[in-house]
Amino acid sequence: MEHIEDLTKAHGYSFPYLFDRDNRVVRAYRVACTPSCYVFDVDLNLVYRGQFDNSRPDNAIPTTGKDVTDALGAVLEGRPVPQDQKTAVGCYIPFDPENKPDYMR
């Protein structure tokens, strides 16, 4: 298995990238599917947890990142983050049945 540093360099990522090999972060933030988006304020309080936008593989809505962009804009401008936070819809994160988090049972 390659190291995450090798993967980020190979793909040209210039931003922090998390590889959650043991699912500690998945469990801490109660992630059930990807992509789940999280936005934190300056005090590291979680202020947004939800979908990227309303686009889906089976609809004609373009991918814009509107939901996350709105949350980030609010944080940067010192406004309250919109409370209409829709749960992400995407690929289910598989767990072995004996290791499945309680929030997914």
Protein backbone atom coordinates (compact mmCIF):
# COMPACT_ATOMS: atom_id res chain seq x y z
CA MET A 1 0.00 0.00 0.00
CA GLU A 2 1.29 3.41 -0.91
CA HIS A 3 1.71 6.07 1.71
CA ILE A 4 -0.83 8.89 1.58
CA GLU A 5 1.96 11.39 0.88
CA ASP A 6 2.83 9.45 -2.28
CA LEU A 7 -0.81 9.42 -3.38
CA THR A 8 -1.30 13.16 -2.82
CA LYS A 9 1.87 13.96 -4.77
CA ALA A 10 0.89 11.59 -7.58
CA HIS A 11 -2.47 13.33 -7.96
CA GLY A 12 -1.05 16.83 -7.52
CA TYR A 13 -3.08 17.66 -4.40
CA SER A 14 -1.95 20.94 -2.85
CA PHE A 15 -4.35 20.74 0.08
CA PRO A 16 -4.52 18.63 3.24
CA TYR A 17 -5.92 15.17 2.59
CA LEU A 18 -7.13 12.74 5.23
CA PHE A 19 -6.77 9.01 4.81
CA ASP A 20 -8.82 7.51 7.63
CA ARG A 21 -7.40 3.98 7.55
CA ASP A 22 -8.90 2.87 10.89
CA ASN A 23 -12.20 4.80 10.58
CA ARG A 24 -11.61 6.90 13.71
CA VAL A 25 -12.62 10.11 11.94
CA VAL A 26 -15.62 8.45 10.26
CA ARG A 27 -16.89 7.38 13.67
CA ALA A 28 -16.10 10.69 15.40
CA TYR A 29 -18.14 12.67 12.86
CA ARG A 30 -20.78 9.97 12.40
CA VAL A 31 -20.20 9.68 8.66
CA ALA A 32 -22.41 7.18 6.86
CA CYS A 33 -21.62 7.95 3.22
CA THR A 34 -19.30 9.90 0.99
CA PRO A 35 -19.07 12.67 0.11
CA SER A 36 -20.06 14.13 3.48
CA CYS A 37 -19.03 17.76 3.83
CA TYR A 38 -18.02 19.45 7.07
CA VAL A 39 -17.36 23.14 7.71
CA PHE A 40 -15.83 24.44 10.93
CA ASP A 41 -15.75 28.01 12.17
CA VAL A 42 -12.69 29.89 13.43
CA ASP A 43 -13.14 28.30 16.87
CA LEU A 44 -13.26 24.82 15.28
CA ASN A 45 -16.96 24.41 16.02
CA LEU A 46 -18.74 22.21 13.50
CA VAL A 47 -21.21 24.57 11.79
CA TYR A 48 -22.14 22.59 8.68
CA ARG A 49 -22.55 18.88 8.13
CA GLY A 50 -24.27 17.80 4.96
CA GLN A 51 -24.36 17.49 1.23
CA PHE A 52 -22.12 19.21 -1.33
CA ASP A 53 -25.13 20.32 -3.37
CA ASN A 54 -28.38 18.97 -4.84
CA SER A 55 -26.76 17.25 -7.83
CA ARG A 56 -27.07 13.49 -8.03
CA PRO A 57 -25.91 10.95 -10.61
CA ASP A 58 -29.51 10.40 -11.72
CA ASN A 59 -30.69 14.02 -11.99
CA ALA A 60 -29.89 16.86 -14.37
CA ILE A 61 -28.85 19.32 -11.66
CA PRO A 62 -25.32 20.60 -12.32
CA THR A 63 -22.64 20.16 -9.67
CA THR A 64 -22.04 23.57 -8.09
CA GLY A 65 -21.12 22.96 -4.45
CA LYS A 66 -23.80 25.50 -3.49
CA ASP A 67 -24.57 24.10 -0.04
CA VAL A 68 -20.93 24.01 1.05
CA THR A 69 -20.17 27.35 -0.63
CA ASP A 70 -23.07 28.99 1.22
CA ALA A 71 -21.81 27.61 4.53
CA LEU A 72 -18.23 28.71 3.87
CA GLY A 73 -19.40 32.17 2.76
CA ALA A 74 -21.39 32.59 5.95
CA VAL A 75 -18.41 31.61 8.11
CA LEU A 76 -16.06 33.94 6.24
CA GLU A 77 -18.51 36.84 6.48
CA GLY A 78 -19.35 36.24 10.15
CA ARG A 79 -22.99 35.36 9.40
CA PRO A 80 -24.90 32.41 10.82
CA VAL A 81 -24.53 29.28 8.71
CA PRO A 82 -27.78 28.19 7.04
CA GLN A 83 -29.56 25.67 9.24
CA ASP A 84 -31.16 23.86 6.30
CA GLN A 85 -28.43 21.22 6.14
CA LYS A 86 -29.37 18.25 4.01
CA THR A 87 -27.74 14.90 4.73
CA ALA A 88 -25.22 13.82 2.14
CA VAL A 89 -26.31 11.15 -0.32
CA GLY A 90 -23.58 9.02 -1.83
CA CYS A 91 -21.56 5.89 -1.48
CA TYR A 92 -22.24 3.96 1.70
CA ILE A 93 -19.18 3.38 3.88
CA PRO A 94 -18.92 -0.38 4.41
CA PHE A 95 -18.12 -1.81 7.83
CA ASP A 96 -17.80 -5.38 8.97
CA PRO A 97 -21.06 -6.24 10.76
CA GLU A 98 -19.29 -6.64 14.12
CA ASN A 99 -17.57 -3.24 13.72
CA LYS A 100 -20.53 -1.24 12.41
CA PRO A 101 -21.01 2.02 14.37
CA ASP A 102 -24.11 2.26 16.57
CA TYR A 103 -25.52 5.13 14.48
CA MET A 104 -25.65 2.83 11.42
CA ARG A 105 -27.49 -0.08 13.04
